[in-house]
Amino acid sequence: MAEKQKKTTIHDIARELDVTFSTVARALNDHPAISAATKVAVLETAKRLNYQQNKLASSLRSGRTNVIGIIVPSLDTSFFSSVVHGIERVMNENGYSMLLYQTGESLSQEKKGIETFLQSRVDAIISSVSGEVEVREFYEQISKRQVPLLFFDRAINDLPVPSVTINDYQAGFVATEHLISQGYKSIAHFTSDQNLTIFKERYRGYHDALQKYNLPLQENMIFKGKLSLDFGKASVQQLLDQQVPFDAVFAAEDYTAMGALQVLLEKGVKVPEEIGIMGFANEAFGAFVTPSLSTVDQQTIRMGEETAHLLLKLIGTKDYYGATPERLVLDPILLPRGSSQAK
């Protein structure tokens, strides 16, 4: 039987270069006290000897894992998966790996995710909070442990935590204003029943756009529920059944808008000639349905990249909760398409 090849150790590299064990260890961990030339020599020798660093032991020595935890409600929609893609690209370029946890909009799962990340000793946590929670004491535990925390899209504004979000008020306003500019005057709004700032702000933008153009806000045209294809179908069907006069729908999410569009087309309603439809989030399917779905783009890749850059900046400060948190707000991009362009 062939003799098992001996695994290369830090001692082997030290002997090869005639330096101390500690010099090699610190060079491998990019310690500032070690010269650039020594680091290069150590890395080249480590590669030549096929040395594989014990990441667990290294993290125990340095106190860092180079792992970032990301909490999202779900990766089923292209919005969250696209933002995560942007985060991952930048963090990978800077030597970090990702751990992903989906909450399914559940408080218990959100808590479990945070506990898992803290037990795994992640270097930082990025979160888009679930819609079920109103009290967020468990997020305060992260700051008590001095683990960097950053929010994206869905933030808790009363916590002193940096965030990257979109201007949801402006998004709701320009979406509604676009419908008005196309001649629609009775605009229904389908929104979430979740107690989240993003949906409240989209509604506020919708409300203020109607007010600006002297159009009435009608409570029987505002529907709250779980944003989905079925919710969009049920809401527009209710409007039709109750014979509520409306000529447009602004949905706070694309799948809901698509549900409304499907029912209207099945009923023989002409879209956009008779009723206009506006969605939100620029899901991938929107450009390929007929008529194509008007929507609001949230700059997902940029949101992910800006989130990663802001986190790297936060990690570099070493003072995670001592300064005023930086809060970056991106502008929404209106994407008028076939479902709303009546003129």
C-alpha atoms as a PDB file:
ATOM      1  CA  MET A   1       0.000   0.000   0.000  1.00  0.00           C
ATOM      2  CA  ALA A   2       1.348   3.405  -0.938  1.00  0.00           C
ATOM      3  CA  GLU A   3       2.330   5.641   1.966  1.00  0.00           C
ATOM      4  CA  LYS A   4      -0.163   8.434   2.606  1.00  0.00           C
ATOM      5  CA  GLN A   5       1.291  11.782   1.556  1.00  0.00           C
ATOM      6  CA  LYS A   6       2.124  13.985   4.535  1.00  0.00           C
ATOM      7  CA  LYS A   7       0.073  17.175   4.744  1.00  0.00           C
ATOM      8  CA  THR A   8       2.051  20.408   4.447  1.00  0.00           C
ATOM      9  CA  THR A   9       2.056  22.555   7.589  1.00  0.00           C
ATOM     10  CA  ILE A  10       3.087  26.084   8.477  1.00  0.00           C
ATOM     11  CA  HIS A  11       6.269  24.587  10.000  1.00  0.00           C
ATOM     12  CA  ASP A  12       7.212  23.192   6.561  1.00  0.00           C
ATOM     13  CA  ILE A  13       6.874  26.627   4.977  1.00  0.00           C
ATOM     14  CA  ALA A  14       8.886  28.208   7.803  1.00  0.00           C
ATOM     15  CA  ARG A  15      11.708  25.673   7.345  1.00  0.00           C
ATOM     16  CA  GLU A  16      11.731  26.201   3.582  1.00  0.00           C
ATOM     17  CA  LEU A  17      12.110  29.970   3.975  1.00  0.00           C
ATOM     18  CA  ASP A  18      14.226  29.840   7.151  1.00  0.00           C
ATOM     19  CA  VAL A  19      11.820  32.071   9.065  1.00  0.00           C
ATOM     20  CA  THR A  20       9.849  31.592  12.247  1.00  0.00           C
ATOM     21  CA  PHE A  21       6.476  29.844  12.516  1.00  0.00           C
ATOM     22  CA  SER A  22       4.830  33.078  13.717  1.00  0.00           C
ATOM     23  CA  THR A  23       6.131  35.002  10.690  1.00  0.00           C
ATOM     24  CA  VAL A  24       4.486  32.521   8.327  1.00  0.00           C
ATOM     25  CA  ALA A  25       1.250  32.483  10.324  1.00  0.00           C
ATOM     26  CA  ARG A  26       1.009  36.261  10.352  1.00  0.00           C
ATOM     27  CA  ALA A  27       1.895  36.502   6.652  1.00  0.00           C
ATOM     28  CA  LEU A  28      -0.889  34.062   5.774  1.00  0.00           C
ATOM     29  CA  ASN A  29      -3.311  36.197   7.782  1.00  0.00           C
ATOM     30  CA  ASP A  30      -2.135  39.406   6.043  1.00  0.00           C
ATOM     31  CA  HIS A  31      -0.816  40.937   9.278  1.00  0.00           C
ATOM     32  CA  PRO A  32       0.324  44.569   8.775  1.00  0.00           C
ATOM     33  CA  ALA A  33       3.570  43.941  10.680  1.00  0.00           C
ATOM     34  CA  ILE A  34       4.808  41.606   7.919  1.00  0.00           C
ATOM     35  CA  SER A  35       6.456  43.156   4.852  1.00  0.00           C
ATOM     36  CA  ALA A  36       4.909  42.809   1.405  1.00  0.00           C
ATOM     37  CA  ALA A  37       7.985  40.918   0.147  1.00  0.00           C
ATOM     38  CA  THR A  38       7.740  38.353   2.952  1.00  0.00           C
ATOM     39  CA  LYS A  39       4.023  37.876   2.325  1.00  0.00           C
ATOM     40  CA  VAL A  40       4.676  37.215  -1.363  1.00  0.00           C
ATOM     41  CA  ALA A  41       7.424  34.710  -0.535  1.00  0.00           C
ATOM     42  CA  VAL A  42       5.218  32.896   1.977  1.00  0.00           C
ATOM     43  CA  LEU A  43       2.254  32.708  -0.398  1.00  0.00           C
ATOM     44  CA  GLU A  44       4.393  31.472  -3.293  1.00  0.00           C
ATOM     45  CA  THR A  45       6.007  28.797  -1.111  1.00  0.00           C
ATOM     46  CA  ALA A  46       2.630  27.774   0.316  1.00  0.00           C
ATOM     47  CA  LYS A  47       1.297  27.336  -3.201  1.00  0.00           C
ATOM     48  CA  ARG A  48       4.366  25.356  -4.344  1.00  0.00           C
ATOM     49  CA  LEU A  49       4.121  23.032  -1.330  1.00  0.00           C
ATOM     50  CA  ASN A  50       0.341  22.670  -1.831  1.00  0.00           C
ATOM     51  CA  TYR A  51      -0.414  24.071   1.614  1.00  0.00           C
ATOM     52  CA  GLN A  52      -4.121  24.218   2.545  1.00  0.00           C
ATOM     53  CA  GLN A  53      -4.910  26.653   5.306  1.00  0.00           C
ATOM     54  CA  ASN A  54      -7.120  25.502   8.156  1.00  0.00           C
ATOM     55  CA  LYS A  55      -9.802  28.185   7.930  1.00  0.00           C
ATOM     56  CA  LEU A  56     -11.357  27.301  11.270  1.00  0.00           C
ATOM     57  CA  ALA A  57      -8.061  27.611  13.114  1.00  0.00           C
ATOM     58  CA  SER A  58      -7.281  30.809  11.234  1.00  0.00           C
ATOM     59  CA  SER A  59     -10.629  32.340  12.176  1.00  0.00           C
ATOM     60  CA  LEU A  60     -10.117  31.400  15.822  1.00  0.00           C
ATOM     61  CA  ARG A  61      -6.751  33.164  15.807  1.00  0.00           C
ATOM     62  CA  SER A  62      -7.902  36.278  13.954  1.00  0.00           C
ATOM     63  CA  GLY A  63     -11.397  36.509  15.401  1.00  0.00           C
ATOM     64  CA  ARG A  64     -12.748  36.742  11.836  1.00  0.00           C
ATOM     65  CA  THR A  65     -14.504  34.199   9.638  1.00  0.00           C
ATOM     66  CA  ASN A  66     -14.747  36.276   6.432  1.00  0.00           C
ATOM     67  CA  VAL A  67     -18.364  35.114   6.231  1.00  0.00           C
ATOM     68  CA  ILE A  68     -21.335  37.474   5.913  1.00  0.00           C
ATOM     69  CA  GLY A  69     -24.889  36.433   6.857  1.00  0.00           C
ATOM     70  CA  ILE A  70     -27.727  37.649   4.629  1.00  0.00           C
ATOM     71  CA  ILE A  71     -31.379  37.454   5.727  1.00  0.00           C
ATOM     72  CA  VAL A  72     -34.125  37.797   3.095  1.00  0.00           C
ATOM     73  CA  PRO A  73     -37.870  37.129   3.170  1.00  0.00           C
ATOM     74  CA  SER A  74     -37.618  34.898   0.085  1.00  0.00           C
ATOM     75  CA  LEU A  75     -35.501  34.218  -2.983  1.00  0.00           C
ATOM     76  CA  ASP A  76     -38.565  33.262  -5.048  1.00  0.00           C
ATOM     77  CA  THR A  77     -38.807  36.761  -6.524  1.00  0.00           C
ATOM     78  CA  SER A  78     -36.168  38.156  -8.836  1.00  0.00           C
ATOM     79  CA  PHE A  79     -35.933  41.299  -6.672  1.00  0.00           C
ATOM     80  CA  PHE A  80     -34.255  39.643  -3.689  1.00  0.00           C
ATOM     81  CA  SER A  81     -32.182  37.191  -5.737  1.00  0.00           C
ATOM     82  CA  SER A  82     -30.921  40.072  -7.877  1.00  0.00           C
ATOM     83  CA  VAL A  83     -29.964  42.202  -4.860  1.00  0.00           C
ATOM     84  CA  VAL A  84     -28.166  39.226  -3.287  1.00  0.00           C
ATOM     85  CA  HIS A  85     -26.301  38.703  -6.567  1.00  0.00           C
ATOM     86  CA  GLY A  86     -25.048  42.299  -6.377  1.00  0.00           C
ATOM     87  CA  ILE A  87     -24.000  41.898  -2.732  1.00  0.00           C
ATOM     88  CA  GLU A  88     -22.264  38.588  -3.386  1.00  0.00           C
ATOM     89  CA  ARG A  89     -20.233  39.828  -6.331  1.00  0.00           C
ATOM     90  CA  VAL A  90     -18.693  42.726  -4.389  1.00  0.00           C
ATOM     91  CA  MET A  91     -18.168  40.753  -1.163  1.00  0.00           C
ATOM     92  CA  ASN A  92     -16.544  37.826  -3.019  1.00  0.00           C
ATOM     93  CA  GLU A  93     -14.152  40.256  -4.677  1.00  0.00           C
ATOM     94  CA  ASN A  94     -13.165  41.370  -1.174  1.00  0.00           C
ATOM     95  CA  GLY A  95     -12.563  37.865   0.169  1.00  0.00           C
ATOM     96  CA  TYR A  96     -15.903  37.198   1.849  1.00  0.00           C
ATOM     97  CA  SER A  97     -18.285  34.263   1.540  1.00  0.00           C
ATOM     98  CA  MET A  98     -22.058  34.396   2.023  1.00  0.00           C
ATOM     99  CA  LEU A  99     -24.522  32.508   4.224  1.00  0.00           C
ATOM    100  CA  LEU A 100     -28.151  32.959   3.100  1.00  0.00           C
ATOM    101  CA  TYR A 101     -31.246  32.533   5.269  1.00  0.00           C
ATOM    102  CA  GLN A 102     -34.852  32.850   4.050  1.00  0.00           C
ATOM    103  CA  THR A 103     -37.438  33.835   6.674  1.00  0.00           C
ATOM    104  CA  GLY A 104     -40.593  33.223   4.639  1.00  0.00           C
ATOM    105  CA  GLU A 105     -41.908  36.426   6.298  1.00  0.00           C
ATOM    106  CA  SER A 106     -41.882  34.585   9.656  1.00  0.00           C
ATOM    107  CA  LEU A 107     -40.775  36.161  12.948  1.00  0.00           C
ATOM    108  CA  SER A 108     -39.655  32.820  14.419  1.00  0.00           C
ATOM    109  CA  GLN A 109     -37.588  32.040  11.311  1.00  0.00           C
ATOM    110  CA  GLU A 110     -36.069  35.518  11.369  1.00  0.00           C
ATOM    111  CA  LYS A 111     -34.966  35.026  14.978  1.00  0.00           C
ATOM    112  CA  LYS A 112     -33.626  31.576  14.129  1.00  0.00           C
ATOM    113  CA  GLY A 113     -31.648  32.984  11.238  1.00  0.00           C
ATOM    114  CA  ILE A 114     -30.013  35.628  13.396  1.00  0.00           C
ATOM    115  CA  GLU A 115     -29.193  33.082  16.100  1.00  0.00           C
ATOM    116  CA  THR A 116     -27.669  30.786  13.465  1.00  0.00           C
ATOM    117  CA  PHE A 117     -25.501  33.596  12.120  1.00  0.00           C
ATOM    118  CA  LEU A 118     -24.318  34.653  15.569  1.00  0.00           C
ATOM    119  CA  GLN A 119     -23.482  31.048  16.486  1.00  0.00           C
ATOM    120  CA  SER A 120     -21.582  30.741  13.201  1.00  0.00           C
ATOM    121  CA  ARG A 121     -19.591  33.846  14.199  1.00  0.00           C
ATOM    122  CA  VAL A 122     -20.264  35.715  10.961  1.00  0.00           C
ATOM    123  CA  ASP A 123     -18.338  38.949  10.524  1.00  0.00           C
ATOM    124  CA  ALA A 124     -21.502  40.941   9.760  1.00  0.00           C
ATOM    125  CA  ILE A 125     -25.223  40.590   9.051  1.00  0.00           C
ATOM    126  CA  ILE A 126     -27.207  42.113   6.178  1.00  0.00           C
ATOM    127  CA  SER A 127     -30.974  41.939   6.540  1.00  0.00           C
ATOM    128  CA  SER A 128     -34.196  42.757   4.731  1.00  0.00           C
ATOM    129  CA  VAL A 129     -36.651  42.325   7.577  1.00  0.00           C
ATOM    130  CA  SER A 130     -39.746  40.122   7.437  1.00  0.00           C
ATOM    131  CA  GLY A 131     -43.246  41.539   7.265  1.00  0.00           C
ATOM    132  CA  GLU A 132     -44.571  39.718  10.330  1.00  0.00           C
ATOM    133  CA  VAL A 133     -42.616  41.576  12.953  1.00  0.00           C
ATOM    134  CA  GLU A 134     -43.398  44.844  14.673  1.00  0.00           C
ATOM    135  CA  VAL A 135     -41.097  44.485  17.679  1.00  0.00           C
ATOM    136  CA  ARG A 136     -37.425  44.008  16.834  1.00  0.00           C
ATOM    137  CA  GLU A 137     -35.634  43.517  20.156  1.00  0.00           C
ATOM    138  CA  PHE A 138     -33.677  40.587  18.767  1.00  0.00           C
ATOM    139  CA  TYR A 139     -31.936  42.920  16.305  1.00  0.00           C
ATOM    140  CA  GLU A 140     -30.680  44.911  19.283  1.00  0.00           C
ATOM    141  CA  GLN A 141     -28.852  41.752  20.438  1.00  0.00           C
ATOM    142  CA  ILE A 142     -26.663  42.052  17.342  1.00  0.00           C
ATOM    143  CA  SER A 143     -25.481  45.517  18.346  1.00  0.00           C
ATOM    144  CA  LYS A 144     -24.850  44.357  21.921  1.00  0.00           C
ATOM    145  CA  ARG A 145     -22.479  41.722  20.512  1.00  0.00           C
ATOM    146  CA  GLN A 146     -20.815  44.412  18.391  1.00  0.00           C
ATOM    147  CA  VAL A 147     -21.537  42.576  15.144  1.00  0.00           C
ATOM    148  CA  PRO A 148     -21.956  44.985  12.203  1.00  0.00           C
ATOM    149  CA  LEU A 149     -25.553  45.124  10.928  1.00  0.00           C
ATOM    150  CA  LEU A 150     -26.921  46.706   7.767  1.00  0.00           C
ATOM    151  CA  PHE A 151     -30.451  46.796   6.311  1.00  0.00           C
ATOM    152  CA  PHE A 152     -31.452  46.815   2.657  1.00  0.00           C
ATOM    153  CA  ASP A 153     -34.851  47.517   1.053  1.00  0.00           C
ATOM    154  CA  ARG A 154     -36.778  46.900   4.300  1.00  0.00           C
ATOM    155  CA  ALA A 155     -35.209  48.795   7.182  1.00  0.00           C
ATOM    156  CA  ILE A 156     -36.124  49.496  10.806  1.00  0.00           C
ATOM    157  CA  ASN A 157     -35.748  53.257  10.830  1.00  0.00           C
ATOM    158  CA  ASP A 158     -35.778  53.690  14.600  1.00  0.00           C
ATOM    159  CA  LEU A 159     -32.667  51.528  15.001  1.00  0.00           C
ATOM    160  CA  PRO A 160     -29.287  53.289  14.534  1.00  0.00           C
ATOM    161  CA  VAL A 161     -28.280  51.008  11.667  1.00  0.00           C
ATOM    162  CA  PRO A 162     -27.023  51.903   8.157  1.00  0.00           C
ATOM    163  CA  SER A 163     -29.311  51.030   5.255  1.00  0.00           C
ATOM    164  CA  VAL A 164     -29.716  51.038   1.482  1.00  0.00           C
ATOM    165  CA  THR A 165     -33.289  51.545   0.322  1.00  0.00           C
ATOM    166  CA  ILE A 166     -35.280  52.971  -2.557  1.00  0.00           C
ATOM    167  CA  ASN A 167     -37.410  56.097  -2.352  1.00  0.00           C
ATOM    168  CA  ASP A 168     -40.730  54.238  -2.118  1.00  0.00           C
ATOM    169  CA  TYR A 169     -42.712  57.449  -1.715  1.00  0.00           C
ATOM    170  CA  GLN A 170     -41.335  58.825  -4.961  1.00  0.00           C
ATOM    171  CA  ALA A 171     -41.932  55.450  -6.628  1.00  0.00           C
ATOM    172  CA  GLY A 172     -45.599  55.418  -5.614  1.00  0.00           C
ATOM    173  CA  PHE A 173     -46.001  59.023  -6.718  1.00  0.00           C
ATOM    174  CA  VAL A 174     -44.438  58.671 -10.193  1.00  0.00           C
ATOM    175  CA  ALA A 175     -46.264  55.388 -10.855  1.00  0.00           C
ATOM    176  CA  THR A 176     -49.619  57.009 -10.086  1.00  0.00           C
ATOM    177  CA  GLU A 177     -48.697  60.220 -11.889  1.00  0.00           C
ATOM    178  CA  HIS A 178     -47.851  58.215 -15.012  1.00  0.00           C
ATOM    179  CA  LEU A 179     -51.322  56.633 -14.986  1.00  0.00           C
ATOM    180  CA  ILE A 180     -52.894  60.074 -14.578  1.00  0.00           C
ATOM    181  CA  SER A 181     -50.809  61.420 -17.470  1.00  0.00           C
ATOM    182  CA  GLN A 182     -52.277  58.670 -19.653  1.00  0.00           C
ATOM    183  CA  GLY A 183     -55.787  59.908 -18.930  1.00  0.00           C
ATOM    184  CA  TYR A 184     -56.816  57.514 -16.139  1.00  0.00           C
ATOM    185  CA  LYS A 185     -58.851  59.153 -13.386  1.00  0.00           C
ATOM    186  CA  SER A 186     -60.232  56.342 -11.192  1.00  0.00           C
ATOM    187  CA  ILE A 187     -57.153  54.455 -10.008  1.00  0.00           C
ATOM    188  CA  ALA A 188     -57.440  51.495  -7.655  1.00  0.00           C
ATOM    189  CA  HIS A 189     -54.525  50.545  -5.399  1.00  0.00           C
ATOM    190  CA  PHE A 190     -53.665  46.967  -4.382  1.00  0.00           C
ATOM    191  CA  THR A 191     -51.167  46.930  -1.527  1.00  0.00           C
ATOM    192  CA  SER A 192     -49.837  44.734   1.274  1.00  0.00           C
ATOM    193  CA  ASP A 193     -51.449  44.207   4.667  1.00  0.00           C
ATOM    194  CA  GLN A 194     -47.943  43.984   6.176  1.00  0.00           C
ATOM    195  CA  ASN A 195     -46.937  46.751   8.570  1.00  0.00           C
ATOM    196  CA  LEU A 196     -43.869  47.738   6.567  1.00  0.00           C
ATOM    197  CA  THR A 197     -42.636  51.230   5.742  1.00  0.00           C
ATOM    198  CA  ILE A 198     -42.078  50.392   2.071  1.00  0.00           C
ATOM    199  CA  PHE A 199     -45.779  49.739   1.445  1.00  0.00           C
ATOM    200  CA  LYS A 200     -46.914  52.671   3.567  1.00  0.00           C
ATOM    201  CA  GLU A 201     -44.647  54.957   1.540  1.00  0.00           C
ATOM    202  CA  ARG A 202     -45.890  53.622  -1.819  1.00  0.00           C
ATOM    203  CA  TYR A 203     -49.444  54.241  -0.644  1.00  0.00           C
ATOM    204  CA  ARG A 204     -48.526  57.764   0.502  1.00  0.00           C
ATOM    205  CA  GLY A 205     -47.066  58.494  -2.938  1.00  0.00           C
ATOM    206  CA  TYR A 206     -50.262  57.193  -4.571  1.00  0.00           C
ATOM    207  CA  HIS A 207     -52.391  59.330  -2.241  1.00  0.00           C
ATOM    208  CA  ASP A 208     -50.393  62.520  -2.840  1.00  0.00           C
ATOM    209  CA  ALA A 209     -50.373  62.091  -6.629  1.00  0.00           C
ATOM    210  CA  LEU A 210     -54.179  61.842  -6.636  1.00  0.00           C
ATOM    211  CA  GLN A 211     -54.365  64.900  -4.427  1.00  0.00           C
ATOM    212  CA  LYS A 212     -51.986  66.894  -6.635  1.00  0.00           C
ATOM    213  CA  TYR A 213     -54.208  66.315  -9.673  1.00  0.00           C
ATOM    214  CA  ASN A 214     -57.480  66.852  -7.762  1.00  0.00           C
ATOM    215  CA  LEU A 215     -58.618  63.253  -8.082  1.00  0.00           C
ATOM    216  CA  PRO A 216     -60.621  61.668  -5.255  1.00  0.00           C
ATOM    217  CA  LEU A 217     -59.219  58.997  -2.952  1.00  0.00           C
ATOM    218  CA  GLN A 218     -61.855  56.269  -2.793  1.00  0.00           C
ATOM    219  CA  GLU A 219     -61.588  53.798   0.078  1.00  0.00           C
ATOM    220  CA  ASN A 220     -63.558  51.136  -1.833  1.00  0.00           C
ATOM    221  CA  MET A 221     -60.762  51.080  -4.423  1.00  0.00           C
ATOM    222  CA  ILE A 222     -57.978  50.324  -1.946  1.00  0.00           C
ATOM    223  CA  PHE A 223     -57.318  46.632  -1.252  1.00  0.00           C
ATOM    224  CA  LYS A 224     -54.889  45.213   1.327  1.00  0.00           C
ATOM    225  CA  GLY A 225     -53.752  41.595   1.444  1.00  0.00           C
ATOM    226  CA  LYS A 226     -50.926  39.164   0.803  1.00  0.00           C
ATOM    227  CA  LEU A 227     -49.309  40.355  -2.398  1.00  0.00           C
ATOM    228  CA  SER A 228     -49.590  37.560  -4.967  1.00  0.00           C
ATOM    229  CA  LEU A 229     -51.104  36.545  -8.276  1.00  0.00           C
ATOM    230  CA  ASP A 230     -54.244  35.325  -6.478  1.00  0.00           C
ATOM    231  CA  PHE A 231     -54.619  38.551  -4.492  1.00  0.00           C
ATOM    232  CA  GLY A 232     -54.485  40.572  -7.700  1.00  0.00           C
ATOM    233  CA  LYS A 233     -57.111  38.331  -9.299  1.00  0.00           C
ATOM    234  CA  ALA A 234     -59.443  38.441  -6.290  1.00  0.00           C
ATOM    235  CA  SER A 235     -59.156  42.212  -5.864  1.00  0.00           C
ATOM    236  CA  VAL A 236     -59.921  43.120  -9.467  1.00  0.00           C
ATOM    237  CA  GLN A 237     -62.735  40.532  -9.542  1.00  0.00           C
ATOM    238  CA  GLN A 238     -64.285  42.215  -6.500  1.00  0.00           C
ATOM    239  CA  LEU A 239     -64.173  45.587  -8.224  1.00  0.00           C
ATOM    240  CA  LEU A 240     -65.912  44.086 -11.245  1.00  0.00           C
ATOM    241  CA  ASP A 241     -68.519  42.214  -9.177  1.00  0.00           C
ATOM    242  CA  GLN A 242     -69.396  45.306  -7.162  1.00  0.00           C
ATOM    243  CA  GLN A 243     -69.480  47.363 -10.345  1.00  0.00           C
ATOM    244  CA  VAL A 244     -67.078  49.924  -8.905  1.00  0.00           C
ATOM    245  CA  PRO A 245     -66.149  52.316 -11.732  1.00  0.00           C
ATOM    246  CA  PHE A 246     -62.365  52.239 -12.173  1.00  0.00           C
ATOM    247  CA  ASP A 247     -60.082  52.696 -15.145  1.00  0.00           C
ATOM    248  CA  ALA A 248     -56.637  51.792 -13.747  1.00  0.00           C
ATOM    249  CA  VAL A 249     -54.848  49.686 -11.132  1.00  0.00           C
ATOM    250  CA  PHE A 250     -51.587  50.498  -9.381  1.00  0.00           C
ATOM    251  CA  ALA A 251     -50.365  47.359  -7.612  1.00  0.00           C
ATOM    252  CA  ALA A 252     -47.537  47.525  -5.056  1.00  0.00           C
ATOM    253  CA  GLU A 253     -45.920  44.432  -6.605  1.00  0.00           C
ATOM    254  CA  ASP A 254     -45.718  42.886 -10.106  1.00  0.00           C
ATOM    255  CA  TYR A 255     -47.259  39.479  -9.381  1.00  0.00           C
ATOM    256  CA  THR A 256     -50.338  41.195  -7.971  1.00  0.00           C
ATOM    257  CA  ALA A 257     -50.533  43.427 -11.047  1.00  0.00           C
ATOM    258  CA  MET A 258     -50.201  40.348 -13.257  1.00  0.00           C
ATOM    259  CA  GLY A 259     -53.131  38.682 -11.485  1.00  0.00           C
ATOM    260  CA  ALA A 260     -55.292  41.723 -12.176  1.00  0.00           C
ATOM    261  CA  LEU A 261     -54.155  41.800 -15.799  1.00  0.00           C
ATOM    262  CA  GLN A 262     -55.018  38.125 -16.332  1.00  0.00           C
ATOM    263  CA  VAL A 263     -58.588  38.515 -15.034  1.00  0.00           C
ATOM    264  CA  LEU A 264     -59.225  41.632 -17.116  1.00  0.00           C
ATOM    265  CA  LEU A 265     -57.994  39.949 -20.297  1.00  0.00           C
ATOM    266  CA  GLU A 266     -60.090  36.856 -19.559  1.00  0.00           C
ATOM    267  CA  LYS A 267     -63.145  39.140 -19.214  1.00  0.00           C
ATOM    268  CA  GLY A 268     -62.429  40.705 -22.588  1.00  0.00           C
ATOM    269  CA  VAL A 269     -61.415  44.062 -21.117  1.00  0.00           C
ATOM    270  CA  LYS A 270     -59.023  45.954 -23.363  1.00  0.00           C
ATOM    271  CA  VAL A 271     -55.743  46.834 -21.639  1.00  0.00           C
ATOM    272  CA  PRO A 272     -54.631  49.635 -21.768  1.00  0.00           C
ATOM    273  CA  GLU A 273     -57.476  51.147 -23.833  1.00  0.00           C
ATOM    274  CA  GLU A 274     -60.155  50.601 -21.176  1.00  0.00           C
ATOM    275  CA  ILE A 275     -58.151  49.891 -18.023  1.00  0.00           C
ATOM    276  CA  GLY A 276     -54.466  50.578 -17.351  1.00  0.00           C
ATOM    277  CA  ILE A 277     -52.251  48.412 -15.166  1.00  0.00           C
ATOM    278  CA  MET A 278     -49.103  49.459 -13.270  1.00  0.00           C
ATOM    279  CA  GLY A 279     -46.971  47.054 -11.249  1.00  0.00           C
ATOM    280  CA  PHE A 280     -43.888  47.443  -9.077  1.00  0.00           C
ATOM    281  CA  ALA A 281     -40.437  45.785  -8.825  1.00  0.00           C
ATOM    282  CA  ASN A 282     -39.672  44.985 -12.491  1.00  0.00           C
ATOM    283  CA  GLU A 283     -39.920  41.224 -12.165  1.00  0.00           C
ATOM    284  CA  ALA A 284     -38.396  39.404 -15.147  1.00  0.00           C
ATOM    285  CA  PHE A 285     -41.703  38.187 -16.630  1.00  0.00           C
ATOM    286  CA  GLY A 286     -43.147  41.693 -17.023  1.00  0.00           C
ATOM    287  CA  ALA A 287     -41.401  42.499 -20.275  1.00  0.00           C
ATOM    288  CA  PHE A 288     -42.549  39.276 -21.960  1.00  0.00           C
ATOM    289  CA  VAL A 289     -46.308  39.182 -21.284  1.00  0.00           C
ATOM    290  CA  THR A 290     -48.859  40.743 -23.660  1.00  0.00           C
ATOM    291  CA  PRO A 291     -49.411  43.573 -23.123  1.00  0.00           C
ATOM    292  CA  SER A 292     -46.060  44.083 -21.425  1.00  0.00           C
ATOM    293  CA  LEU A 293     -46.387  45.146 -17.801  1.00  0.00           C
ATOM    294  CA  SER A 294     -45.624  48.740 -16.788  1.00  0.00           C
ATOM    295  CA  THR A 295     -43.638  48.783 -13.570  1.00  0.00           C
ATOM    296  CA  VAL A 296     -41.098  50.561 -11.358  1.00  0.00           C
ATOM    297  CA  ASP A 297     -37.487  49.354 -11.344  1.00  0.00           C
ATOM    298  CA  GLN A 298     -35.731  49.359  -7.956  1.00  0.00           C
ATOM    299  CA  GLN A 299     -32.159  49.237  -9.255  1.00  0.00           C
ATOM    300  CA  THR A 300     -31.639  45.816  -7.668  1.00  0.00           C
ATOM    301  CA  ILE A 301     -28.055  45.108  -8.759  1.00  0.00           C
ATOM    302  CA  ARG A 302     -26.988  48.606  -7.767  1.00  0.00           C
ATOM    303  CA  MET A 303     -28.811  48.215  -4.440  1.00  0.00           C
ATOM    304  CA  GLY A 304     -26.834  45.037  -3.786  1.00  0.00           C
ATOM    305  CA  GLU A 305     -23.528  46.605  -4.773  1.00  0.00           C
ATOM    306  CA  GLU A 306     -24.138  49.745  -2.709  1.00  0.00           C
ATOM    307  CA  THR A 307     -25.150  47.560   0.249  1.00  0.00           C
ATOM    308  CA  ALA A 308     -21.882  45.623  -0.007  1.00  0.00           C
ATOM    309  CA  HIS A 309     -19.753  48.761  -0.356  1.00  0.00           C
ATOM    310  CA  LEU A 310     -21.474  50.376   2.622  1.00  0.00           C
ATOM    311  CA  LEU A 311     -20.919  47.232   4.690  1.00  0.00           C
ATOM    312  CA  LEU A 312     -17.217  47.128   3.794  1.00  0.00           C
ATOM    313  CA  LYS A 313     -16.974  50.779   4.813  1.00  0.00           C
ATOM    314  CA  LEU A 314     -18.731  49.994   8.099  1.00  0.00           C
ATOM    315  CA  ILE A 315     -16.438  47.036   8.830  1.00  0.00           C
ATOM    316  CA  GLY A 316     -13.425  49.254   8.140  1.00  0.00           C
ATOM    317  CA  THR A 317     -14.467  51.887  10.676  1.00  0.00           C
ATOM    318  CA  LYS A 318     -14.319  49.426  13.616  1.00  0.00           C
ATOM    319  CA  ASP A 319     -16.907  51.675  15.295  1.00  0.00           C
ATOM    320  CA  TYR A 320     -20.076  49.941  14.197  1.00  0.00           C
ATOM    321  CA  TYR A 321     -22.591  51.740  16.401  1.00  0.00           C
ATOM    322  CA  GLY A 322     -20.783  54.859  17.558  1.00  0.00           C
ATOM    323  CA  ALA A 323     -21.404  57.144  14.594  1.00  0.00           C
ATOM    324  CA  THR A 324     -24.563  58.397  12.906  1.00  0.00           C
ATOM    325  CA  PRO A 325     -25.657  55.596  10.563  1.00  0.00           C
ATOM    326  CA  GLU A 326     -25.315  56.222   6.837  1.00  0.00           C
ATOM    327  CA  ARG A 327     -28.592  55.738   4.980  1.00  0.00           C
ATOM    328  CA  LEU A 328     -28.451  55.622   1.207  1.00  0.00           C
ATOM    329  CA  VAL A 329     -31.722  56.130  -0.692  1.00  0.00           C
ATOM    330  CA  LEU A 330     -31.816  55.204  -4.393  1.00  0.00           C
ATOM    331  CA  ASP A 331     -34.139  56.761  -6.957  1.00  0.00           C
ATOM    332  CA  PRO A 332     -36.793  54.545  -8.557  1.00  0.00           C
ATOM    333  CA  ILE A 333     -36.921  54.192 -12.347  1.00  0.00           C
ATOM    334  CA  LEU A 334     -40.334  54.311 -14.025  1.00  0.00           C
ATOM    335  CA  LEU A 335     -40.727  51.745 -16.829  1.00  0.00           C
ATOM    336  CA  PRO A 336     -43.902  52.537 -18.811  1.00  0.00           C
ATOM    337  CA  ARG A 337     -44.916  49.613 -21.054  1.00  0.00           C
ATOM    338  CA  GLY A 338     -47.907  48.375 -22.974  1.00  0.00           C
ATOM    339  CA  SER A 339     -50.249  47.848 -20.021  1.00  0.00           C
ATOM    340  CA  SER A 340     -50.517  51.566 -19.244  1.00  0.00           C
ATOM    341  CA  GLN A 341     -49.620  53.519 -22.358  1.00  0.00           C
ATOM    342  CA  ALA A 342     -53.073  54.509 -23.520  1.00  0.00           C
ATOM    343  CA  LYS A 343     -51.908  57.607 -25.361  1.00  0.00           C
END
